[in-house]
PDB file of N, CA and C in Angstrom:
ATOM      1  N   UNK A   1     -59.129  89.690 -12.229  1.00  0.00           N
ATOM      2  CA  UNK A   1     -57.956  88.726 -11.564  1.00  0.00           C
ATOM      3  C   UNK A   1     -57.360  88.147 -13.287  1.00  0.00           C
ATOM      4  N   UNK A   2     -58.288  87.874 -14.190  1.00  0.00           N
ATOM      5  CA  UNK A   2     -57.944  87.325 -15.303  1.00  0.00           C
ATOM      6  C   UNK A   2     -57.931  88.309 -16.516  1.00  0.00           C
ATOM      7  N   UNK A   3     -57.126  88.498 -17.380  1.00  0.00           N
ATOM      8  CA  UNK A   3     -57.110  89.286 -18.709  1.00  0.00           C
ATOM      9  C   UNK A   3     -57.893  88.636 -19.559  1.00  0.00           C
ATOM     10  N   UNK A   4     -58.595  89.342 -20.130  1.00  0.00           N
ATOM     11  CA  UNK A   4     -59.725  88.763 -21.287  1.00  0.00           C
ATOM     12  C   UNK A   4     -59.244  88.722 -22.710  1.00  0.00           C
ATOM     13  N   UNK A   5     -57.989  89.048 -22.648  1.00  0.00           N
ATOM     14  CA  UNK A   5     -57.511  89.027 -24.040  1.00  0.00           C
ATOM     15  C   UNK A   5     -57.506  87.790 -24.667  1.00  0.00           C
ATOM     16  N   UNK A   6     -57.976  87.573 -26.109  1.00  0.00           N
ATOM     17  CA  UNK A   6     -58.037  86.443 -26.604  1.00  0.00           C
ATOM     18  C   UNK A   6     -56.916  86.312 -27.228  1.00  0.00           C
ATOM     19  N   UNK A   7     -56.568  84.859 -27.801  1.00  0.00           N
ATOM     20  CA  UNK A   7     -55.099  84.694 -28.691  1.00  0.00           C
ATOM     21  C   UNK A   7     -55.545  84.744 -29.931  1.00  0.00           C
ATOM     22  N   UNK A   8     -54.683  86.003 -30.374  1.00  0.00           N
ATOM     23  CA  UNK A   8     -54.888  86.120 -31.970  1.00  0.00           C
ATOM     24  C   UNK A   8     -53.288  86.087 -32.543  1.00  0.00           C
ATOM     25  N   UNK A   9     -52.714  85.724 -31.838  1.00  0.00           N
ATOM     26  CA  UNK A   9     -51.085  85.562 -32.401  1.00  0.00           C
ATOM     27  C   UNK A   9     -51.196  84.398 -33.527  1.00  0.00           C
ATOM     28  N   UNK A  10     -51.107  84.752 -35.065  1.00  0.00           N
ATOM     29  CA  UNK A  10     -51.264  83.620 -35.862  1.00  0.00           C
ATOM     30  C   UNK A  10     -50.241  82.482 -35.782  1.00  0.00           C
ATOM     31  N   UNK A  11     -48.998  83.112 -35.365  1.00  0.00           N
ATOM     32  CA  UNK A  11     -47.846  81.973 -35.526  1.00  0.00           C
ATOM     33  C   UNK A  11     -47.976  80.770 -34.355  1.00  0.00           C
ATOM     34  N   UNK A  12     -48.532  81.371 -33.221  1.00  0.00           N
ATOM     35  CA  UNK A  12     -48.637  80.701 -32.090  1.00  0.00           C
ATOM     36  C   UNK A  12     -50.050  79.393 -32.485  1.00  0.00           C
ATOM     37  N   UNK A  13     -51.152  80.448 -32.833  1.00  0.00           N
ATOM     38  CA  UNK A  13     -52.307  79.309 -33.251  1.00  0.00           C
ATOM     39  C   UNK A  13     -51.670  78.037 -34.307  1.00  0.00           C
ATOM     40  N   UNK A  14     -50.943  78.608 -35.032  1.00  0.00           N
ATOM     41  CA  UNK A  14     -50.445  77.533 -36.134  1.00  0.00           C
ATOM     42  C   UNK A  14     -49.764  76.430 -35.232  1.00  0.00           C
ATOM     43  N   UNK A  15     -49.288  76.563 -34.526  1.00  0.00           N
ATOM     44  CA  UNK A  15     -48.293  75.704 -33.425  1.00  0.00           C
ATOM     45  C   UNK A  15     -48.889  74.896 -32.529  1.00  0.00           C
ATOM     46  N   UNK A  16     -50.402  75.334 -32.340  1.00  0.00           N
ATOM     47  CA  UNK A  16     -50.930  74.292 -31.263  1.00  0.00           C
ATOM     48  C   UNK A  16     -51.452  73.273 -31.828  1.00  0.00           C
ATOM     49  N   UNK A  17     -51.580  72.082 -30.857  1.00  0.00           N
ATOM     50  CA  UNK A  17     -51.904  70.794 -31.199  1.00  0.00           C
ATOM     51  C   UNK A  17     -53.508  70.764 -31.672  1.00  0.00           C
ATOM     52  N   UNK A  18     -54.052  69.987 -32.466  1.00  0.00           N
ATOM     53  CA  UNK A  18     -55.057  69.572 -32.956  1.00  0.00           C
ATOM     54  C   UNK A  18     -55.948  68.647 -31.829  1.00  0.00           C
ATOM     55  N   UNK A  19     -56.932  69.153 -31.084  1.00  0.00           N
ATOM     56  CA  UNK A  19     -57.433  68.169 -30.066  1.00  0.00           C
ATOM     57  C   UNK A  19     -58.064  66.840 -31.236  1.00  0.00           C
ATOM     58  N   UNK A  20     -58.085  65.656 -30.601  1.00  0.00           N
ATOM     59  CA  UNK A  20     -58.823  64.675 -31.321  1.00  0.00           C
ATOM     60  C   UNK A  20     -59.803  64.165 -30.691  1.00  0.00           C
ATOM     61  N   UNK A  21     -60.644  63.118 -31.341  1.00  0.00           N
ATOM     62  CA  UNK A  21     -61.706  62.803 -30.525  1.00  0.00           C
ATOM     63  C   UNK A  21     -62.583  63.580 -29.719  1.00  0.00           C
ATOM     64  N   UNK A  22     -62.747  63.065 -28.527  1.00  0.00           N
ATOM     65  CA  UNK A  22     -63.796  64.001 -27.633  1.00  0.00           C
ATOM     66  C   UNK A  22     -62.743  65.166 -26.655  1.00  0.00           C
ATOM     67  N   UNK A  23     -62.034  65.543 -27.231  1.00  0.00           N
ATOM     68  CA  UNK A  23     -61.180  66.455 -26.836  1.00  0.00           C
ATOM     69  C   UNK A  23     -61.262  67.791 -26.798  1.00  0.00           C
ATOM     70  N   UNK A  24     -60.752  68.863 -26.048  1.00  0.00           N
ATOM     71  CA  UNK A  24     -60.777  70.399 -26.355  1.00  0.00           C
ATOM     72  C   UNK A  24     -59.466  70.868 -25.989  1.00  0.00           C
ATOM     73  N   UNK A  25     -59.341  71.892 -27.023  1.00  0.00           N
ATOM     74  CA  UNK A  25     -58.025  72.733 -26.562  1.00  0.00           C
ATOM     75  C   UNK A  25     -58.399  73.898 -25.962  1.00  0.00           C
ATOM     76  N   UNK A  26     -57.663  74.053 -24.803  1.00  0.00           N
ATOM     77  CA  UNK A  26     -58.276  75.332 -24.147  1.00  0.00           C
ATOM     78  C   UNK A  26     -57.057  76.068 -23.693  1.00  0.00           C
ATOM     79  N   UNK A  27     -56.826  77.608 -24.009  1.00  0.00           N
ATOM     80  CA  UNK A  27     -55.852  78.357 -23.103  1.00  0.00           C
ATOM     81  C   UNK A  27     -56.251  78.780 -21.940  1.00  0.00           C
ATOM     82  N   UNK A  28     -55.230  79.021 -21.220  1.00  0.00           N
ATOM     83  CA  UNK A  28     -55.507  79.322 -19.839  1.00  0.00           C
ATOM     84  C   UNK A  28     -55.305  81.099 -19.960  1.00  0.00           C
ATOM     85  N   UNK A  29     -56.026  81.904 -19.472  1.00  0.00           N
ATOM     86  CA  UNK A  29     -56.082  83.130 -19.666  1.00  0.00           C
ATOM     87  C   UNK A  29     -54.971  83.386 -18.637  1.00  0.00           C
ATOM     88  N   UNK A  30     -53.986  84.445 -18.900  1.00  0.00           N
ATOM     89  CA  UNK A  30     -52.992  85.062 -18.087  1.00  0.00           C
ATOM     90  C   UNK A  30     -53.674  85.924 -16.613  1.00  0.00           C
ATOM     91  N   UNK A  31     -52.890  85.530 -15.752  1.00  0.00           N
ATOM     92  CA  UNK A  31     -53.345  86.541 -14.653  1.00  0.00           C
ATOM     93  C   UNK A  31     -52.692  87.641 -14.597  1.00  0.00           C
ATOM     94  N   UNK A  32     -53.500  88.752 -14.305  1.00  0.00           N
ATOM     95  CA  UNK A  32     -52.894  90.263 -14.478  1.00  0.00           C
ATOM     96  C   UNK A  32     -51.709  90.695 -13.453  1.00  0.00           C
ATOM     97  N   UNK A  33     -51.668  89.345 -12.213  1.00  0.00           N
ATOM     98  CA  UNK A  33     -50.370  89.856 -11.613  1.00  0.00           C
ATOM     99  C   UNK A  33     -50.866  90.499 -10.447  1.00  0.00           C
ATOM    100  N   UNK A  34     -52.124  90.917 -10.070  1.00  0.00           N
ATOM    101  CA  UNK A  34     -52.240  91.813  -9.015  1.00  0.00           C
ATOM    102  C   UNK A  34     -54.152  91.262  -8.653  1.00  0.00           C
ATOM    103  N   UNK A  35     -54.235  91.456  -7.164  1.00  0.00           N
ATOM    104  CA  UNK A  35     -55.614  91.113  -6.878  1.00  0.00           C
ATOM    105  C   UNK A  35     -56.680  92.293  -7.169  1.00  0.00           C
ATOM    106  N   UNK A  36     -57.858  92.103  -7.035  1.00  0.00           N
ATOM    107  CA  UNK A  36     -58.808  92.975  -7.300  1.00  0.00           C
ATOM    108  C   UNK A  36     -58.852  94.399  -6.582  1.00  0.00           C
ATOM    109  N   UNK A  37     -58.104  93.904  -5.084  1.00  0.00           N
ATOM    110  CA  UNK A  37     -57.846  95.072  -4.618  1.00  0.00           C
ATOM    111  C   UNK A  37     -56.477  95.883  -4.429  1.00  0.00           C
ATOM    112  N   UNK A  38     -55.797  95.520  -5.529  1.00  0.00           N
ATOM    113  CA  UNK A  38     -54.911  96.226  -6.169  1.00  0.00           C
ATOM    114  C   UNK A  38     -53.452  95.583  -5.656  1.00  0.00           C
ATOM    115  N   UNK A  39     -53.198  94.526  -4.859  1.00  0.00           N
ATOM    116  CA  UNK A  39     -52.053  93.888  -4.221  1.00  0.00           C
ATOM    117  C   UNK A  39     -51.485  93.109  -5.244  1.00  0.00           C
ATOM    118  N   UNK A  40     -50.118  93.368  -5.621  1.00  0.00           N
ATOM    119  CA  UNK A  40     -49.168  92.744  -6.470  1.00  0.00           C
ATOM    120  C   UNK A  40     -48.993  91.148  -5.854  1.00  0.00           C
ATOM    121  N   UNK A  41     -49.528  90.345  -6.735  1.00  0.00           N
ATOM    122  CA  UNK A  41     -48.909  88.870  -6.303  1.00  0.00           C
ATOM    123  C   UNK A  41     -47.568  88.583  -6.802  1.00  0.00           C
ATOM    124  N   UNK A  42     -46.866  87.712  -5.887  1.00  0.00           N
ATOM    125  CA  UNK A  42     -45.488  87.225  -6.151  1.00  0.00           C
ATOM    126  C   UNK A  42     -45.649  86.334  -7.366  1.00  0.00           C
ATOM    127  N   UNK A  43     -44.745  86.235  -8.214  1.00  0.00           N
ATOM    128  CA  UNK A  43     -44.557  85.252  -9.385  1.00  0.00           C
ATOM    129  C   UNK A  43     -44.804  83.680  -8.556  1.00  0.00           C
ATOM    130  N   UNK A  44     -44.345  83.159  -7.613  1.00  0.00           N
ATOM    131  CA  UNK A  44     -44.803  82.050  -7.265  1.00  0.00           C
ATOM    132  C   UNK A  44     -46.167  81.335  -7.037  1.00  0.00           C
ATOM    133  N   UNK A  45     -46.966  82.940  -6.505  1.00  0.00           N
ATOM    134  CA  UNK A  45     -48.222  82.700  -6.410  1.00  0.00           C
ATOM    135  C   UNK A  45     -49.030  82.625  -7.703  1.00  0.00           C
ATOM    136  N   UNK A  46     -48.692  83.378  -8.592  1.00  0.00           N
ATOM    137  CA  UNK A  46     -49.384  83.605  -9.563  1.00  0.00           C
ATOM    138  C   UNK A  46     -49.343  82.217 -10.627  1.00  0.00           C
ATOM    139  N   UNK A  47     -48.102  81.563 -10.514  1.00  0.00           N
ATOM    140  CA  UNK A  47     -47.979  80.297 -11.324  1.00  0.00           C
ATOM    141  C   UNK A  47     -48.862  79.168 -10.452  1.00  0.00           C
ATOM    142  N   UNK A  48     -48.732  79.428  -9.481  1.00  0.00           N
ATOM    143  CA  UNK A  48     -49.729  78.518  -8.424  1.00  0.00           C
ATOM    144  C   UNK A  48     -51.171  78.410  -8.640  1.00  0.00           C
ATOM    145  N   UNK A  49     -51.733  79.751  -8.978  1.00  0.00           N
ATOM    146  CA  UNK A  49     -53.190  80.230  -9.643  1.00  0.00           C
ATOM    147  C   UNK A  49     -53.153  79.667 -10.777  1.00  0.00           C
ATOM    148  N   UNK A  50     -52.463  79.867 -11.637  1.00  0.00           N
ATOM    149  CA  UNK A  50     -52.670  79.625 -12.913  1.00  0.00           C
ATOM    150  C   UNK A  50     -52.788  77.979 -13.305  1.00  0.00           C
ATOM    151  N   UNK A  51     -51.917  77.309 -12.444  1.00  0.00           N
ATOM    152  CA  UNK A  51     -51.712  75.873 -12.465  1.00  0.00           C
ATOM    153  C   UNK A  51     -53.321  75.243 -11.884  1.00  0.00           C
ATOM    154  N   UNK A  52     -53.876  76.007 -10.578  1.00  0.00           N
ATOM    155  CA  UNK A  52     -54.974  75.448 -10.280  1.00  0.00           C
ATOM    156  C   UNK A  52     -56.401  76.079 -10.896  1.00  0.00           C
ATOM    157  N   UNK A  53     -55.986  76.790 -11.840  1.00  0.00           N
ATOM    158  CA  UNK A  53     -57.204  77.692 -12.358  1.00  0.00           C
ATOM    159  C   UNK A  53     -58.708  76.944 -12.676  1.00  0.00           C
ATOM    160  N   UNK A  54     -59.556  77.505 -12.663  1.00  0.00           N
ATOM    161  CA  UNK A  54     -60.733  76.929 -13.154  1.00  0.00           C
ATOM    162  C   UNK A  54     -61.358  77.443 -14.502  1.00  0.00           C
ATOM    163  N   UNK A  55     -60.489  78.731 -14.814  1.00  0.00           N
ATOM    164  CA  UNK A  55     -61.239  79.207 -16.399  1.00  0.00           C
ATOM    165  C   UNK A  55     -60.396  78.979 -17.359  1.00  0.00           C
ATOM    166  N   UNK A  56     -60.863  78.823 -18.450  1.00  0.00           N
ATOM    167  CA  UNK A  56     -60.380  78.375 -19.726  1.00  0.00           C
ATOM    168  C   UNK A  56     -60.999  79.060 -20.923  1.00  0.00           C
ATOM    169  N   UNK A  57     -60.309  79.156 -22.141  1.00  0.00           N
ATOM    170  CA  UNK A  57     -60.821  79.815 -23.022  1.00  0.00           C
ATOM    171  C   UNK A  57     -60.625  78.950 -24.313  1.00  0.00           C
ATOM    172  N   UNK A  58     -62.039  78.184 -24.983  1.00  0.00           N
ATOM    173  CA  UNK A  58     -61.954  77.174 -25.934  1.00  0.00           C
ATOM    174  C   UNK A  58     -61.284  77.659 -27.138  1.00  0.00           C
ATOM    175  N   UNK A  59     -60.194  77.163 -27.625  1.00  0.00           N
ATOM    176  CA  UNK A  59     -59.413  77.570 -28.684  1.00  0.00           C
ATOM    177  C   UNK A  59     -59.974  76.573 -29.881  1.00  0.00           C
ATOM    178  N   UNK A  60     -60.223  75.134 -29.739  1.00  0.00           N
ATOM    179  CA  UNK A  60     -60.468  74.245 -30.746  1.00  0.00           C
ATOM    180  C   UNK A  60     -60.978  73.034 -29.917  1.00  0.00           C
ATOM    181  N   UNK A  61     -62.324  72.213 -30.852  1.00  0.00           N
ATOM    182  CA  UNK A  61     -62.933  71.139 -30.289  1.00  0.00           C
ATOM    183  C   UNK A  61     -62.335  69.965 -31.424  1.00  0.00           C
ATOM    184  N   UNK A  62     -62.534  68.919 -30.657  1.00  0.00           N
ATOM    185  CA  UNK A  62     -62.155  67.666 -31.290  1.00  0.00           C
ATOM    186  C   UNK A  62     -63.386  67.264 -32.331  1.00  0.00           C
ATOM    187  N   UNK A  63     -63.353  66.364 -33.264  1.00  0.00           N
ATOM    188  CA  UNK A  63     -64.363  66.019 -34.220  1.00  0.00           C
ATOM    189  C   UNK A  63     -65.420  65.142 -33.451  1.00  0.00           C
ATOM    190  N   UNK A  64     -64.884  64.413 -32.125  1.00  0.00           N
ATOM    191  CA  UNK A  64     -65.696  63.623 -31.582  1.00  0.00           C
ATOM    192  C   UNK A  64     -66.557  64.289 -30.346  1.00  0.00           C
ATOM    193  N   UNK A  65     -66.156  65.427 -29.685  1.00  0.00           N
ATOM    194  CA  UNK A  65     -66.705  66.123 -28.816  1.00  0.00           C
ATOM    195  C   UNK A  65     -68.085  66.113 -29.358  1.00  0.00           C
ATOM    196  N   UNK A  66     -69.044  65.706 -28.175  1.00  0.00           N
ATOM    197  CA  UNK A  66     -70.238  66.294 -27.783  1.00  0.00           C
ATOM    198  C   UNK A  66     -70.952  65.190 -29.052  1.00  0.00           C
ATOM    199  N   UNK A  67     -70.487  64.362 -29.679  1.00  0.00           N
ATOM    200  CA  UNK A  67     -71.436  63.776 -30.738  1.00  0.00           C
ATOM    201  C   UNK A  67     -72.328  62.477 -30.169  1.00  0.00           C
ATOM    202  N   UNK A  68     -72.164  62.189 -28.753  1.00  0.00           N
ATOM    203  CA  UNK A  68     -72.771  61.189 -28.276  1.00  0.00           C
ATOM    204  C   UNK A  68     -74.318  61.625 -27.889  1.00  0.00           C
ATOM    205  N   UNK A  69     -75.258  61.309 -28.453  1.00  0.00           N
ATOM    206  CA  UNK A  69     -76.752  61.978 -28.210  1.00  0.00           C
ATOM    207  C   UNK A  69     -76.976  61.318 -27.018  1.00  0.00           C
ATOM    208  N   UNK A  70     -76.917  60.498 -26.384  1.00  0.00           N
ATOM    209  CA  UNK A  70     -76.958  59.952 -25.072  1.00  0.00           C
ATOM    210  C   UNK A  70     -76.565  60.610 -24.014  1.00  0.00           C
ATOM    211  N   UNK A  71     -75.391  61.138 -24.097  1.00  0.00           N
ATOM    212  CA  UNK A  71     -74.697  61.694 -23.033  1.00  0.00           C
ATOM    213  C   UNK A  71     -74.821  63.385 -23.303  1.00  0.00           C
ATOM    214  N   UNK A  72     -74.967  63.585 -24.508  1.00  0.00           N
ATOM    215  CA  UNK A  72     -75.185  65.330 -24.510  1.00  0.00           C
ATOM    216  C   UNK A  72     -76.603  65.276 -25.363  1.00  0.00           C
ATOM    217  N   UNK A  73     -77.579  64.932 -24.965  1.00  0.00           N
ATOM    218  CA  UNK A  73     -78.943  65.020 -25.676  1.00  0.00           C
ATOM    219  C   UNK A  73     -79.394  66.596 -25.990  1.00  0.00           C
ATOM    220  N   UNK A  74     -78.558  67.609 -25.393  1.00  0.00           N
ATOM    221  CA  UNK A  74     -79.180  69.144 -25.759  1.00  0.00           C
ATOM    222  C   UNK A  74     -77.936  69.509 -26.333  1.00  0.00           C
ATOM    223  N   UNK A  75     -77.227  68.827 -27.081  1.00  0.00           N
ATOM    224  CA  UNK A  75     -75.810  69.307 -28.110  1.00  0.00           C
ATOM    225  C   UNK A  75     -74.765  69.673 -26.980  1.00  0.00           C
ATOM    226  N   UNK A  76     -73.654  70.313 -27.821  1.00  0.00           N
ATOM    227  CA  UNK A  76     -72.483  70.803 -27.010  1.00  0.00           C
ATOM    228  C   UNK A  76     -72.723  71.767 -26.064  1.00  0.00           C
ATOM    229  N   UNK A  77     -72.031  71.527 -24.777  1.00  0.00           N
ATOM    230  CA  UNK A  77     -71.796  72.377 -23.800  1.00  0.00           C
ATOM    231  C   UNK A  77     -71.178  73.626 -23.861  1.00  0.00           C
ATOM    232  N   UNK A  78     -70.172  73.793 -25.152  1.00  0.00           N
ATOM    233  CA  UNK A  78     -69.828  75.046 -25.152  1.00  0.00           C
ATOM    234  C   UNK A  78     -69.231  75.139 -26.690  1.00  0.00           C
ATOM    235  N   UNK A  79     -68.636  76.032 -27.273  1.00  0.00           N
ATOM    236  CA  UNK A  79     -68.165  76.312 -28.560  1.00  0.00           C
ATOM    237  C   UNK A  79     -66.799  77.077 -28.506  1.00  0.00           C
ATOM    238  N   UNK A  80     -66.257  76.928 -29.575  1.00  0.00           N
ATOM    239  CA  UNK A  80     -64.879  77.628 -29.851  1.00  0.00           C
ATOM    240  C   UNK A  80     -65.194  79.334 -29.731  1.00  0.00           C
ATOM    241  N   UNK A  81     -64.314  79.719 -28.914  1.00  0.00           N
ATOM    242  CA  UNK A  81     -64.366  81.144 -28.664  1.00  0.00           C
ATOM    243  C   UNK A  81     -65.220  81.405 -27.306  1.00  0.00           C
ATOM    244  N   UNK A  82     -65.622  80.479 -26.348  1.00  0.00           N
ATOM    245  CA  UNK A  82     -66.375  80.577 -25.077  1.00  0.00           C
ATOM    246  C   UNK A  82     -65.289  80.534 -23.753  1.00  0.00           C
ATOM    247  N   UNK A  83     -65.436  81.307 -22.909  1.00  0.00           N
ATOM    248  CA  UNK A  83     -64.733  81.346 -21.762  1.00  0.00           C
ATOM    249  C   UNK A  83     -65.391  80.051 -20.970  1.00  0.00           C
ATOM    250  N   UNK A  84     -64.748  78.992 -20.431  1.00  0.00           N
ATOM    251  CA  UNK A  84     -65.542  77.937 -19.643  1.00  0.00           C
ATOM    252  C   UNK A  84     -64.830  77.820 -18.231  1.00  0.00           C
ATOM    253  N   UNK A  85     -65.858  77.431 -17.126  1.00  0.00           N
ATOM    254  CA  UNK A  85     -65.299  76.897 -15.985  1.00  0.00           C
ATOM    255  C   UNK A  85     -65.053  75.320 -15.761  1.00  0.00           C
ATOM    256  N   UNK A  86     -64.018  74.701 -15.309  1.00  0.00           N
ATOM    257  CA  UNK A  86     -63.565  73.493 -15.180  1.00  0.00           C
ATOM    258  C   UNK A  86     -63.134  73.329 -14.127  1.00  0.00           C
ATOM    259  N   UNK A  87     -63.135  72.033 -13.476  1.00  0.00           N
ATOM    260  CA  UNK A  87     -62.238  71.614 -12.289  1.00  0.00           C
ATOM    261  C   UNK A  87     -60.951  72.091 -12.324  1.00  0.00           C
ATOM    262  N   UNK A  88     -60.402  72.295 -11.439  1.00  0.00           N
ATOM    263  CA  UNK A  88     -58.954  72.772 -11.004  1.00  0.00           C
ATOM    264  C   UNK A  88     -58.116  71.809 -11.524  1.00  0.00           C
ATOM    265  N   UNK A  89     -56.979  71.635 -12.001  1.00  0.00           N
ATOM    266  CA  UNK A  89     -56.154  70.615 -12.234  1.00  0.00           C
ATOM    267  C   UNK A  89     -56.356  69.717 -13.180  1.00  0.00           C
ATOM    268  N   UNK A  90     -57.741  70.107 -14.214  1.00  0.00           N
ATOM    269  CA  UNK A  90     -57.982  69.327 -15.037  1.00  0.00           C
ATOM    270  C   UNK A  90     -57.164  69.431 -16.700  1.00  0.00           C
ATOM    271  N   UNK A  91     -57.149  67.913 -16.955  1.00  0.00           N
ATOM    272  CA  UNK A  91     -56.449  67.687 -18.364  1.00  0.00           C
ATOM    273  C   UNK A  91     -55.103  67.592 -18.155  1.00  0.00           C
ATOM    274  N   UNK A  92     -54.405  67.725 -19.674  1.00  0.00           N
ATOM    275  CA  UNK A  92     -53.131  67.310 -19.855  1.00  0.00           C
ATOM    276  C   UNK A  92     -52.584  69.230 -20.260  1.00  0.00           C
ATOM    277  N   UNK A  93     -51.658  69.229 -19.177  1.00  0.00           N
ATOM    278  CA  UNK A  93     -51.060  70.761 -19.463  1.00  0.00           C
ATOM    279  C   UNK A  93     -50.015  70.512 -20.159  1.00  0.00           C
ATOM    280  N   UNK A  94     -49.570  71.920 -20.911  1.00  0.00           N
ATOM    281  CA  UNK A  94     -48.707  72.172 -21.528  1.00  0.00           C
ATOM    282  C   UNK A  94     -48.351  73.625 -21.752  1.00  0.00           C
ATOM    283  N   UNK A  95     -47.276  74.369 -22.119  1.00  0.00           N
ATOM    284  CA  UNK A  95     -47.007  75.434 -22.586  1.00  0.00           C
ATOM    285  C   UNK A  95     -46.294  75.659 -23.898  1.00  0.00           C
ATOM    286  N   UNK A  96     -46.525  76.651 -24.404  1.00  0.00           N
ATOM    287  CA  UNK A  96     -46.043  77.109 -25.598  1.00  0.00           C
ATOM    288  C   UNK A  96     -45.894  78.324 -25.577  1.00  0.00           C
ATOM    289  N   UNK A  97     -44.374  78.953 -25.885  1.00  0.00           N
ATOM    290  CA  UNK A  97     -44.039  80.485 -25.999  1.00  0.00           C
ATOM    291  C   UNK A  97     -44.675  80.991 -24.692  1.00  0.00           C
ATOM    292  N   UNK A  98     -44.330  79.999 -23.738  1.00  0.00           N
ATOM    293  CA  UNK A  98     -44.897  80.766 -21.967  1.00  0.00           C
ATOM    294  C   UNK A  98     -46.168  80.770 -21.907  1.00  0.00           C
ATOM    295  N   UNK A  99     -47.301  80.364 -22.717  1.00  0.00           N
ATOM    296  CA  UNK A  99     -48.436  80.669 -22.495  1.00  0.00           C
ATOM    297  C   UNK A  99     -48.827  79.099 -22.080  1.00  0.00           C
ATOM    298  N   UNK A 100     -49.767  78.948 -21.143  1.00  0.00           N
ATOM    299  CA  UNK A 100     -50.212  77.612 -20.708  1.00  0.00           C
ATOM    300  C   UNK A 100     -51.493  77.323 -21.370  1.00  0.00           C
ATOM    301  N   UNK A 101     -51.554  75.928 -21.963  1.00  0.00           N
ATOM    302  CA  UNK A 101     -52.838  75.483 -22.463  1.00  0.00           C
ATOM    303  C   UNK A 101     -53.269  74.026 -21.882  1.00  0.00           C
ATOM    304  N   UNK A 102     -53.896  73.681 -22.292  1.00  0.00           N
ATOM    305  CA  UNK A 102     -54.909  72.415 -21.515  1.00  0.00           C
ATOM    306  C   UNK A 102     -55.680  71.567 -22.808  1.00  0.00           C
ATOM    307  N   UNK A 103     -55.489  70.428 -22.750  1.00  0.00           N
ATOM    308  CA  UNK A 103     -56.557  69.644 -23.541  1.00  0.00           C
ATOM    309  C   UNK A 103     -57.270  68.767 -22.570  1.00  0.00           C
ATOM    310  N   UNK A 104     -58.502  69.084 -22.518  1.00  0.00           N
ATOM    311  CA  UNK A 104     -59.526  68.319 -21.708  1.00  0.00           C
ATOM    312  C   UNK A 104     -60.591  67.594 -22.385  1.00  0.00           C
ATOM    313  N   UNK A 105     -61.234  66.757 -21.680  1.00  0.00           N
ATOM    314  CA  UNK A 105     -62.374  66.173 -22.216  1.00  0.00           C
ATOM    315  C   UNK A 105     -63.629  66.948 -22.301  1.00  0.00           C
ATOM    316  N   UNK A 106     -64.527  66.338 -23.164  1.00  0.00           N
ATOM    317  CA  UNK A 106     -65.674  67.266 -23.491  1.00  0.00           C
ATOM    318  C   UNK A 106     -66.530  67.379 -22.436  1.00  0.00           C
ATOM    319  N   UNK A 107     -66.681  66.378 -21.472  1.00  0.00           N
ATOM    320  CA  UNK A 107     -67.133  66.501 -20.284  1.00  0.00           C
ATOM    321  C   UNK A 107     -66.907  67.110 -18.942  1.00  0.00           C
ATOM    322  N   UNK A 108     -65.643  67.409 -19.025  1.00  0.00           N
ATOM    323  CA  UNK A 108     -65.121  68.341 -18.243  1.00  0.00           C
ATOM    324  C   UNK A 108     -65.610  69.914 -17.915  1.00  0.00           C
ATOM    325  N   UNK A 109     -66.322  70.344 -18.721  1.00  0.00           N
ATOM    326  CA  UNK A 109     -66.691  71.496 -19.203  1.00  0.00           C
ATOM    327  C   UNK A 109     -67.856  71.629 -17.989  1.00  0.00           C
ATOM    328  N   UNK A 110     -67.981  72.559 -17.142  1.00  0.00           N
ATOM    329  CA  UNK A 110     -69.107  72.512 -16.033  1.00  0.00           C
ATOM    330  C   UNK A 110     -69.916  73.831 -16.404  1.00  0.00           C
ATOM    331  N   UNK A 111     -69.380  74.617 -16.795  1.00  0.00           N
ATOM    332  CA  UNK A 111     -70.155  76.339 -17.215  1.00  0.00           C
ATOM    333  C   UNK A 111     -69.610  77.082 -18.263  1.00  0.00           C
ATOM    334  N   UNK A 112     -70.412  77.649 -18.786  1.00  0.00           N
ATOM    335  CA  UNK A 112     -69.927  78.762 -19.814  1.00  0.00           C
ATOM    336  C   UNK A 112     -70.176  80.359 -19.136  1.00  0.00           C
ATOM    337  N   UNK A 113     -69.028  81.283 -19.198  1.00  0.00           N
ATOM    338  CA  UNK A 113     -69.037  82.476 -18.621  1.00  0.00           C
ATOM    339  C   UNK A 113     -68.848  83.492 -20.017  1.00  0.00           C
ATOM    340  N   UNK A 114     -69.451  84.505 -19.850  1.00  0.00           N
ATOM    341  CA  UNK A 114     -69.451  85.722 -20.460  1.00  0.00           C
ATOM    342  C   UNK A 114     -68.104  86.175 -20.513  1.00  0.00           C
ATOM    343  N   UNK A 115     -67.594  86.520 -19.065  1.00  0.00           N
ATOM    344  CA  UNK A 115     -66.592  87.425 -18.885  1.00  0.00           C
ATOM    345  C   UNK A 115     -65.530  86.718 -17.699  1.00  0.00           C
ATOM    346  N   UNK A 116     -64.533  86.208 -17.665  1.00  0.00           N
ATOM    347  CA  UNK A 116     -63.472  85.769 -16.938  1.00  0.00           C
ATOM    348  C   UNK A 116     -63.367  86.234 -15.627  1.00  0.00           C
ATOM    349  N   UNK A 117     -63.317  87.597 -15.886  1.00  0.00           N
ATOM    350  CA  UNK A 117     -62.764  88.436 -14.799  1.00  0.00           C
ATOM    351  C   UNK A 117     -63.737  88.351 -13.519  1.00  0.00           C
ATOM    352  N   UNK A 118     -63.070  88.373 -12.293  1.00  0.00           N
ATOM    353  CA  UNK A 118     -63.952  88.396 -11.229  1.00  0.00           C
ATOM    354  C   UNK A 118     -63.954  86.988 -10.581  1.00  0.00           C
ATOM    355  N   UNK A 119     -63.890  85.785 -11.276  1.00  0.00           N
ATOM    356  CA  UNK A 119     -63.964  84.491 -10.835  1.00  0.00           C
ATOM    357  C   UNK A 119     -62.450  84.022 -10.239  1.00  0.00           C
ATOM    358  N   UNK A 120     -62.622  83.291  -9.030  1.00  0.00           N
ATOM    359  CA  UNK A 120     -61.650  82.710  -8.715  1.00  0.00           C
ATOM    360  C   UNK A 120     -61.907  81.041  -7.944  1.00  0.00           C
ATOM    361  N   UNK A 121     -60.958  80.527  -7.473  1.00  0.00           N
ATOM    362  CA  UNK A 121     -61.352  79.335  -6.851  1.00  0.00           C
ATOM    363  C   UNK A 121     -61.683  79.672  -5.351  1.00  0.00           C
ATOM    364  N   UNK A 122     -62.711  78.918  -4.851  1.00  0.00           N
ATOM    365  CA  UNK A 122     -63.119  78.961  -3.276  1.00  0.00           C
ATOM    366  C   UNK A 122     -62.424  78.443  -2.473  1.00  0.00           C
TER     367      UNK A 122
END
C-alpha cells in the first residue's frame, strides 16, 4: 500500500523545518494509489488514507527528544531513517511541494517497522 521510497530531494530537504525540543519531523509515505489486490483507489480515498495514516518516516529529531531518562530509561524509541507507527491524525500536519509531513511528540511513536508495505489502519 505504501511506497518505500525515502526522501532524497536535497532542495526539499533544505526547506523542511527543524523540529525543536522533544519533537520529531516525519514524512508521510505516499500511497501507491491501488490496493494490494490491484484495485485503483479514487483520489478522495487516497487523500483520506494519507490523512489518517499510521506510518511515517523519521526525517529529523529535535535536540530535546528522548533526553528525559525517567520517561525513556532505555533510550530513544526511534532514530532518523526509521519507519514508525504512530496514532492516526497525530501531530501538526503540513505539506511542502505536495508531500505531507508531520511534527509529532517523541512519545507518540508506538513502534518501529522495517518495511511499511502491507500495514494499514484496522
